[in-house]
Amino acid sequence: MDNIKVVATNRKAKFEYFIIETFEAGIVLQGSEIKSIRAGQVSLTEAFVQTDGEDAWLMGAHISPYEQASRFNHEPVRPRRLLLHKKEIRKLWDDVRQKGMTIIPTRIYLKGGRAKVEIALARGKKSYDKREVIAKRDRERDSAREMRIR
């Protein structure tokens, strides 16, 4: 089994969206980008995935410039091609055309020395769904506190 080292997670993803299905995709990177990823200099807060039925692209992911790369550095926020099977891209394309569906990156990790991104087919939550999640979290925290006191 390959050891997995999680580099970055999109912590807001589960709060903002209902996750329906997840996929693992490779990322086409430049040399200085993989070094920044290994150093943990990645942010997925504003990232999303765009597809046209042929290719999938990771948009808005911020990979900080690598200090030692000097003039051979990369652009921090640029579209990066995702490596998926054609069937997976077609399935994502068909599902995204439905109202309210989107594709978001949930985490970037290193698996066997290669950078992978976990993307999820998701549906946006309404504000009342988010309030429900917050109320449930508060109830669980209160009950855990009561159990610790007893």
N, C-alpha and C. Protein backbone atom coordinates (compact mmCIF):
# COMPACT_ATOMS: atom_id res chain seq x y z
N MET A 1 0.84 -1.19 0.00
CA MET A 1 0.00 0.00 0.00
C MET A 1 0.88 1.25 0.00
N ASP A 2 0.54 2.20 -0.85
CA ASP A 2 1.29 3.46 -0.91
C ASP A 2 1.00 4.30 0.32
N ASN A 3 2.05 4.93 0.81
CA ASN A 3 1.83 5.85 1.93
C ASN A 3 1.39 7.19 1.37
N ILE A 4 0.41 7.79 2.03
CA ILE A 4 -0.18 9.04 1.58
C ILE A 4 0.16 10.13 2.58
N LYS A 5 0.67 11.25 2.07
CA LYS A 5 0.96 12.41 2.91
C LYS A 5 0.06 13.55 2.43
N VAL A 6 -0.93 13.91 3.24
CA VAL A 6 -1.85 14.98 2.88
C VAL A 6 -1.13 16.31 3.02
N VAL A 7 -1.13 17.10 1.94
CA VAL A 7 -0.42 18.38 1.92
C VAL A 7 -1.37 19.53 2.22
N ALA A 8 -2.57 19.53 1.61
CA ALA A 8 -3.54 20.60 1.82
C ALA A 8 -4.94 20.04 1.73
N THR A 9 -5.83 20.59 2.55
CA THR A 9 -7.23 20.19 2.51
C THR A 9 -8.10 21.43 2.34
N ASN A 10 -9.24 21.23 1.73
CA ASN A 10 -10.23 22.29 1.59
C ASN A 10 -11.23 22.09 2.73
N ARG A 11 -10.97 22.74 3.86
CA ARG A 11 -11.77 22.50 5.06
C ARG A 11 -13.19 23.02 4.92
N LYS A 12 -13.41 24.01 4.09
CA LYS A 12 -14.75 24.57 3.91
C LYS A 12 -15.64 23.71 3.02
N ALA A 13 -15.04 22.77 2.30
CA ALA A 13 -15.79 22.00 1.30
C ALA A 13 -16.98 21.26 1.91
N LYS A 14 -16.78 20.57 3.02
CA LYS A 14 -17.87 19.79 3.62
C LYS A 14 -18.92 20.68 4.25
N PHE A 15 -18.54 21.91 4.62
CA PHE A 15 -19.51 22.85 5.19
C PHE A 15 -20.34 23.51 4.10
N GLU A 16 -19.72 23.84 2.97
CA GLU A 16 -20.39 24.57 1.90
C GLU A 16 -21.15 23.67 0.92
N TYR A 17 -20.77 22.37 0.83
CA TYR A 17 -21.32 21.49 -0.19
C TYR A 17 -21.70 20.12 0.38
N PHE A 18 -22.67 19.48 -0.28
CA PHE A 18 -22.96 18.07 -0.06
C PHE A 18 -22.05 17.30 -1.02
N ILE A 19 -21.14 16.47 -0.51
CA ILE A 19 -20.23 15.70 -1.35
C ILE A 19 -20.98 14.47 -1.86
N ILE A 20 -21.04 14.31 -3.18
CA ILE A 20 -21.79 13.20 -3.78
C ILE A 20 -20.86 12.06 -4.17
N GLU A 21 -19.75 12.39 -4.86
CA GLU A 21 -18.82 11.36 -5.32
C GLU A 21 -17.43 11.97 -5.41
N THR A 22 -16.39 11.16 -5.09
CA THR A 22 -15.03 11.68 -5.15
C THR A 22 -14.22 10.90 -6.20
N PHE A 23 -13.23 11.59 -6.76
CA PHE A 23 -12.33 11.03 -7.76
C PHE A 23 -10.90 11.39 -7.38
N GLU A 24 -9.95 10.54 -7.79
CA GLU A 24 -8.54 10.84 -7.62
C GLU A 24 -7.98 11.21 -8.98
N ALA A 25 -7.26 12.35 -9.04
CA ALA A 25 -6.71 12.81 -10.31
C ALA A 25 -5.25 13.20 -10.12
N GLY A 26 -4.45 12.96 -11.14
CA GLY A 26 -3.09 13.45 -11.15
C GLY A 26 -3.10 14.90 -11.62
N ILE A 27 -2.01 15.63 -11.37
CA ILE A 27 -1.92 17.03 -11.77
C ILE A 27 -0.67 17.20 -12.64
N VAL A 28 -0.80 17.94 -13.74
CA VAL A 28 0.35 18.28 -14.57
C VAL A 28 1.00 19.51 -13.94
N LEU A 29 2.25 19.35 -13.48
CA LEU A 29 2.95 20.41 -12.75
C LEU A 29 4.29 20.73 -13.39
N GLN A 30 4.81 21.92 -13.06
CA GLN A 30 6.18 22.27 -13.41
C GLN A 30 7.08 21.85 -12.26
N GLY A 31 8.39 21.85 -12.48
CA GLY A 31 9.34 21.40 -11.47
C GLY A 31 9.29 22.18 -10.18
N SER A 32 9.17 23.50 -10.27
CA SER A 32 9.14 24.30 -9.05
C SER A 32 7.82 24.13 -8.30
N GLU A 33 6.75 23.75 -9.00
CA GLU A 33 5.45 23.55 -8.35
C GLU A 33 5.46 22.32 -7.45
N ILE A 34 6.05 21.23 -7.90
CA ILE A 34 6.07 20.02 -7.08
C ILE A 34 6.93 20.24 -5.84
N LYS A 35 7.98 21.04 -5.96
CA LYS A 35 8.81 21.34 -4.80
C LYS A 35 8.03 22.18 -3.79
N SER A 36 7.23 23.12 -4.25
CA SER A 36 6.39 23.91 -3.35
C SER A 36 5.32 23.04 -2.70
N ILE A 37 4.76 22.10 -3.45
CA ILE A 37 3.75 21.20 -2.88
C ILE A 37 4.38 20.33 -1.80
N ARG A 38 5.57 19.80 -2.06
CA ARG A 38 6.24 18.97 -1.04
C ARG A 38 6.55 19.79 0.21
N ALA A 39 6.76 21.11 0.05
CA ALA A 39 7.01 21.99 1.19
C ALA A 39 5.70 22.43 1.87
N GLY A 40 4.55 22.03 1.30
CA GLY A 40 3.26 22.35 1.90
C GLY A 40 2.76 23.75 1.60
N GLN A 41 3.24 24.37 0.55
CA GLN A 41 2.88 25.75 0.21
C GLN A 41 1.71 25.78 -0.78
N VAL A 42 0.57 25.21 -0.38
CA VAL A 42 -0.59 25.09 -1.27
C VAL A 42 -1.84 25.59 -0.55
N SER A 43 -2.72 26.26 -1.29
CA SER A 43 -4.00 26.70 -0.75
C SER A 43 -5.11 26.34 -1.73
N LEU A 44 -6.17 25.70 -1.22
CA LEU A 44 -7.30 25.29 -2.06
C LEU A 44 -8.56 26.10 -1.76
N THR A 45 -8.45 27.20 -1.02
CA THR A 45 -9.65 27.89 -0.55
C THR A 45 -10.54 28.40 -1.68
N GLU A 46 -9.97 28.92 -2.74
CA GLU A 46 -10.78 29.46 -3.83
C GLU A 46 -10.72 28.60 -5.09
N ALA A 47 -10.26 27.37 -4.95
CA ALA A 47 -10.06 26.51 -6.12
C ALA A 47 -11.36 25.82 -6.54
N PHE A 48 -11.44 25.54 -7.83
CA PHE A 48 -12.55 24.78 -8.40
C PHE A 48 -12.04 24.04 -9.62
N VAL A 49 -12.84 23.11 -10.13
CA VAL A 49 -12.46 22.33 -11.30
C VAL A 49 -13.40 22.69 -12.43
N GLN A 50 -12.82 22.90 -13.62
CA GLN A 50 -13.59 23.24 -14.80
C GLN A 50 -13.35 22.15 -15.85
N THR A 51 -14.41 21.75 -16.52
CA THR A 51 -14.27 20.74 -17.57
C THR A 51 -15.10 21.13 -18.78
N ASP A 52 -14.64 20.67 -19.94
CA ASP A 52 -15.36 20.94 -21.19
C ASP A 52 -15.77 19.64 -21.87
N GLY A 53 -15.67 18.53 -21.17
CA GLY A 53 -16.00 17.25 -21.76
C GLY A 53 -14.79 16.54 -22.33
N GLU A 54 -13.71 17.26 -22.59
CA GLU A 54 -12.48 16.69 -23.13
C GLU A 54 -11.37 16.68 -22.08
N ASP A 55 -11.19 17.80 -21.40
CA ASP A 55 -10.14 17.95 -20.38
C ASP A 55 -10.75 18.51 -19.10
N ALA A 56 -10.04 18.28 -17.99
CA ALA A 56 -10.43 18.88 -16.71
C ALA A 56 -9.27 19.74 -16.24
N TRP A 57 -9.59 20.92 -15.69
CA TRP A 57 -8.58 21.88 -15.26
C TRP A 57 -8.83 22.29 -13.82
N LEU A 58 -7.76 22.36 -13.04
CA LEU A 58 -7.82 22.88 -11.68
C LEU A 58 -7.57 24.38 -11.76
N MET A 59 -8.57 25.15 -11.39
CA MET A 59 -8.51 26.61 -11.49
C MET A 59 -8.47 27.22 -10.09
N GLY A 60 -7.73 28.30 -9.93
CA GLY A 60 -7.75 29.06 -8.68
C GLY A 60 -6.96 28.48 -7.53
N ALA A 61 -6.28 27.36 -7.72
CA ALA A 61 -5.45 26.79 -6.65
C ALA A 61 -4.16 27.60 -6.57
N HIS A 62 -3.78 27.98 -5.37
CA HIS A 62 -2.58 28.80 -5.19
C HIS A 62 -1.43 27.92 -4.72
N ILE A 63 -0.39 27.81 -5.55
CA ILE A 63 0.85 27.11 -5.18
C ILE A 63 1.92 28.19 -5.14
N SER A 64 2.42 28.46 -3.93
CA SER A 64 3.38 29.55 -3.74
C SER A 64 4.65 29.32 -4.56
N PRO A 65 5.28 30.41 -5.03
CA PRO A 65 6.55 30.26 -5.75
C PRO A 65 7.60 29.62 -4.86
N TYR A 66 8.45 28.80 -5.46
CA TYR A 66 9.51 28.11 -4.72
C TYR A 66 10.71 29.05 -4.62
N GLU A 67 11.15 29.32 -3.40
CA GLU A 67 12.21 30.31 -3.14
C GLU A 67 13.47 30.05 -3.97
N GLN A 68 13.96 28.82 -4.02
CA GLN A 68 15.23 28.52 -4.66
C GLN A 68 15.15 28.45 -6.19
N ALA A 69 13.96 28.58 -6.77
CA ALA A 69 13.82 28.43 -8.23
C ALA A 69 14.21 29.70 -8.98
N SER A 70 14.40 30.80 -8.30
CA SER A 70 14.78 32.10 -8.86
C SER A 70 13.97 32.45 -10.10
N ARG A 71 14.60 32.64 -11.24
CA ARG A 71 13.87 33.09 -12.43
C ARG A 71 13.10 31.97 -13.15
N PHE A 72 13.30 30.74 -12.74
CA PHE A 72 12.60 29.61 -13.38
C PHE A 72 11.32 29.26 -12.63
N ASN A 73 10.81 30.21 -11.84
CA ASN A 73 9.64 29.95 -11.02
C ASN A 73 8.36 29.90 -11.85
N HIS A 74 7.28 29.45 -11.22
CA HIS A 74 5.99 29.30 -11.87
C HIS A 74 5.04 30.42 -11.46
N GLU A 75 3.97 30.54 -12.19
CA GLU A 75 2.88 31.47 -11.85
C GLU A 75 2.08 30.85 -10.70
N PRO A 76 1.87 31.55 -9.57
CA PRO A 76 1.21 30.95 -8.41
C PRO A 76 -0.21 30.45 -8.68
N VAL A 77 -1.02 31.24 -9.39
CA VAL A 77 -2.40 30.84 -9.67
C VAL A 77 -2.53 30.73 -11.18
N ARG A 78 -2.44 29.51 -11.68
CA ARG A 78 -2.59 29.28 -13.11
C ARG A 78 -3.42 28.01 -13.30
N PRO A 79 -4.09 27.86 -14.44
CA PRO A 79 -4.84 26.62 -14.67
C PRO A 79 -3.88 25.43 -14.77
N ARG A 80 -4.21 24.36 -14.08
CA ARG A 80 -3.38 23.15 -14.12
C ARG A 80 -4.24 22.00 -14.62
N ARG A 81 -3.74 21.28 -15.59
CA ARG A 81 -4.49 20.18 -16.19
C ARG A 81 -4.56 19.00 -15.22
N LEU A 82 -5.73 18.39 -15.13
CA LEU A 82 -5.91 17.21 -14.29
C LEU A 82 -5.90 15.96 -15.16
N LEU A 83 -5.30 14.92 -14.65
CA LEU A 83 -5.19 13.66 -15.38
C LEU A 83 -6.27 12.70 -14.89
N LEU A 84 -7.28 12.53 -15.71
CA LEU A 84 -8.40 11.63 -15.43
C LEU A 84 -8.67 10.78 -16.66
N HIS A 85 -9.35 9.65 -16.46
CA HIS A 85 -9.77 8.83 -17.59
C HIS A 85 -10.90 9.55 -18.33
N LYS A 86 -11.01 9.30 -19.62
CA LYS A 86 -12.04 9.94 -20.45
C LYS A 86 -13.45 9.67 -19.91
N LYS A 87 -13.69 8.44 -19.42
CA LYS A 87 -15.00 8.10 -18.87
C LYS A 87 -15.32 8.97 -17.66
N GLU A 88 -14.31 9.19 -16.80
CA GLU A 88 -14.52 10.02 -15.62
C GLU A 88 -14.80 11.46 -16.01
N ILE A 89 -14.07 11.99 -16.98
CA ILE A 89 -14.28 13.37 -17.43
C ILE A 89 -15.68 13.51 -18.02
N ARG A 90 -16.10 12.53 -18.83
CA ARG A 90 -17.43 12.58 -19.42
C ARG A 90 -18.52 12.52 -18.36
N LYS A 91 -18.32 11.67 -17.34
CA LYS A 91 -19.30 11.57 -16.25
C LYS A 91 -19.40 12.89 -15.50
N LEU A 92 -18.25 13.49 -15.19
CA LEU A 92 -18.24 14.79 -14.51
C LEU A 92 -18.93 15.85 -15.36
N TRP A 93 -18.65 15.86 -16.64
CA TRP A 93 -19.24 16.83 -17.57
C TRP A 93 -20.76 16.70 -17.60
N ASP A 94 -21.25 15.44 -17.66
CA ASP A 94 -22.70 15.22 -17.68
C ASP A 94 -23.35 15.67 -16.38
N ASP A 95 -22.70 15.38 -15.25
CA ASP A 95 -23.28 15.72 -13.94
C ASP A 95 -23.25 17.22 -13.67
N VAL A 96 -22.21 17.90 -14.14
CA VAL A 96 -22.07 19.34 -13.88
C VAL A 96 -23.13 20.15 -14.62
N ARG A 97 -23.61 19.64 -15.72
CA ARG A 97 -24.62 20.38 -16.49
C ARG A 97 -25.96 20.42 -15.76
N GLN A 98 -26.14 19.59 -14.72
CA GLN A 98 -27.35 19.66 -13.90
C GLN A 98 -27.27 20.90 -13.01
N LYS A 99 -28.42 21.43 -12.66
CA LYS A 99 -28.44 22.65 -11.87
C LYS A 99 -27.92 22.40 -10.46
N GLY A 100 -27.04 23.26 -10.01
CA GLY A 100 -26.54 23.19 -8.64
C GLY A 100 -25.35 22.28 -8.42
N MET A 101 -24.89 21.58 -9.45
CA MET A 101 -23.76 20.66 -9.30
C MET A 101 -22.47 21.37 -9.68
N THR A 102 -21.39 21.05 -8.97
CA THR A 102 -20.08 21.62 -9.24
C THR A 102 -19.00 20.60 -8.90
N ILE A 103 -17.79 20.88 -9.31
CA ILE A 103 -16.66 20.01 -8.99
C ILE A 103 -15.68 20.84 -8.17
N ILE A 104 -15.33 20.33 -7.00
CA ILE A 104 -14.41 21.06 -6.13
C ILE A 104 -13.25 20.16 -5.72
N PRO A 105 -12.06 20.71 -5.53
CA PRO A 105 -10.96 19.92 -4.99
C PRO A 105 -11.10 19.86 -3.46
N THR A 106 -10.97 18.67 -2.88
CA THR A 106 -11.11 18.54 -1.44
C THR A 106 -9.75 18.44 -0.74
N ARG A 107 -8.76 17.85 -1.41
CA ARG A 107 -7.42 17.79 -0.81
C ARG A 107 -6.37 17.49 -1.87
N ILE A 108 -5.13 17.90 -1.56
CA ILE A 108 -3.96 17.57 -2.38
C ILE A 108 -3.05 16.74 -1.50
N TYR A 109 -2.56 15.64 -2.05
CA TYR A 109 -1.69 14.76 -1.27
C TYR A 109 -0.62 14.16 -2.16
N LEU A 110 0.41 13.63 -1.51
CA LEU A 110 1.49 12.93 -2.20
C LEU A 110 1.27 11.44 -2.02
N LYS A 111 1.26 10.72 -3.12
CA LYS A 111 1.03 9.27 -3.08
C LYS A 111 2.10 8.62 -3.94
N GLY A 112 3.00 7.91 -3.31
CA GLY A 112 4.07 7.27 -4.05
C GLY A 112 4.98 8.28 -4.73
N GLY A 113 5.16 9.44 -4.14
CA GLY A 113 6.03 10.46 -4.69
C GLY A 113 5.38 11.36 -5.73
N ARG A 114 4.13 11.07 -6.08
CA ARG A 114 3.44 11.88 -7.07
C ARG A 114 2.34 12.71 -6.39
N ALA A 115 2.12 13.91 -6.91
CA ALA A 115 1.07 14.77 -6.37
C ALA A 115 -0.27 14.37 -6.98
N LYS A 116 -1.25 14.18 -6.12
CA LYS A 116 -2.60 13.83 -6.54
C LYS A 116 -3.57 14.84 -5.93
N VAL A 117 -4.69 15.03 -6.59
CA VAL A 117 -5.74 15.88 -6.04
C VAL A 117 -7.02 15.05 -5.98
N GLU A 118 -7.70 15.13 -4.84
CA GLU A 118 -8.99 14.47 -4.70
C GLU A 118 -10.05 15.50 -5.04
N ILE A 119 -10.83 15.22 -6.09
CA ILE A 119 -11.89 16.14 -6.48
C ILE A 119 -13.22 15.49 -6.17
N ALA A 120 -14.22 16.33 -5.91
CA ALA A 120 -15.52 15.82 -5.52
C ALA A 120 -16.61 16.46 -6.35
N LEU A 121 -17.55 15.64 -6.76
CA LEU A 121 -18.77 16.13 -7.39
C LEU A 121 -19.67 16.55 -6.23
N ALA A 122 -20.11 17.80 -6.23
CA ALA A 122 -20.81 18.32 -5.07
C ALA A 122 -22.00 19.17 -5.47
N ARG A 123 -22.92 19.30 -4.52
CA ARG A 123 -24.09 20.17 -4.68
C ARG A 123 -24.04 21.19 -3.56
N GLY A 124 -24.24 22.46 -3.90
CA GLY A 124 -24.16 23.54 -2.91
C GLY A 124 -25.23 23.44 -1.85
N LYS A 125 -24.87 23.77 -0.61
CA LYS A 125 -25.83 23.77 0.49
C LYS A 125 -26.52 25.13 0.56
N LYS A 126 -27.75 25.12 1.00
CA LYS A 126 -28.48 26.35 1.27
C LYS A 126 -28.11 26.82 2.68
N SER A 127 -28.45 28.05 3.00
CA SER A 127 -28.08 28.59 4.31
C SER A 127 -28.73 27.84 5.46
N TYR A 128 -29.97 27.32 5.28
CA TYR A 128 -30.61 26.58 6.36
C TYR A 128 -29.92 25.23 6.59
N ASP A 129 -29.33 24.64 5.54
CA ASP A 129 -28.57 23.40 5.71
C ASP A 129 -27.33 23.67 6.56
N LYS A 130 -26.67 24.81 6.31
CA LYS A 130 -25.47 25.16 7.07
C LYS A 130 -25.81 25.41 8.53
N ARG A 131 -26.95 26.09 8.78
CA ARG A 131 -27.37 26.34 10.17
C ARG A 131 -27.64 25.02 10.89
N GLU A 132 -28.20 24.07 10.17
CA GLU A 132 -28.49 22.76 10.74
C GLU A 132 -27.20 22.05 11.16
N VAL A 133 -26.18 22.14 10.32
CA VAL A 133 -24.88 21.53 10.62
C VAL A 133 -24.27 22.17 11.86
N ILE A 134 -24.34 23.50 11.95
CA ILE A 134 -23.80 24.21 13.11
C ILE A 134 -24.53 23.80 14.38
N ALA A 135 -25.87 23.71 14.33
CA ALA A 135 -26.65 23.31 15.50
C ALA A 135 -26.31 21.89 15.94
N LYS A 136 -26.13 20.99 14.98
CA LYS A 136 -25.78 19.61 15.31
C LYS A 136 -24.40 19.54 15.96
N ARG A 137 -23.44 20.31 15.44
CA ARG A 137 -22.10 20.35 16.00
C ARG A 137 -22.13 20.88 17.45
N ASP A 138 -22.95 21.91 17.69
CA ASP A 138 -23.08 22.46 19.05
C ASP A 138 -23.68 21.44 20.00
N ARG A 139 -24.72 20.72 19.56
CA ARG A 139 -25.34 19.68 20.40
C ARG A 139 -24.33 18.60 20.76
N GLU A 140 -23.54 18.15 19.77
CA GLU A 140 -22.54 17.11 20.03
C GLU A 140 -21.46 17.60 21.00
N ARG A 141 -21.04 18.85 20.85
CA ARG A 141 -20.04 19.42 21.74
C ARG A 141 -20.58 19.51 23.17
N ASP A 142 -21.84 19.92 23.32
CA ASP A 142 -22.44 20.02 24.65
C ASP A 142 -22.58 18.65 25.30
N SER A 143 -22.99 17.64 24.53
CA SER A 143 -23.15 16.30 25.09
C SER A 143 -21.79 15.71 25.46
N ALA A 144 -20.77 15.98 24.67
CA ALA A 144 -19.42 15.50 25.01
C ALA A 144 -18.93 16.18 26.28
N ARG A 145 -19.24 17.45 26.44
CA ARG A 145 -18.84 18.18 27.65
C ARG A 145 -19.55 17.61 28.88
N GLU A 146 -20.85 17.28 28.74
CA GLU A 146 -21.61 16.67 29.84
C GLU A 146 -21.01 15.32 30.24
N MET A 147 -20.61 14.53 29.24
CA MET A 147 -20.03 13.20 29.53
C MET A 147 -18.69 13.34 30.26
N ARG A 148 -17.91 14.35 29.90
CA ARG A 148 -16.63 14.56 30.57
C ARG A 148 -16.83 14.99 32.01
N ILE A 149 -17.86 15.79 32.29
CA ILE A 149 -18.12 16.26 33.64
C ILE A 149 -18.53 15.11 34.53
N ARG A 150 -19.33 14.19 34.04
CA ARG A 150 -19.79 13.04 34.83
C ARG A 150 -18.71 12.07 34.93
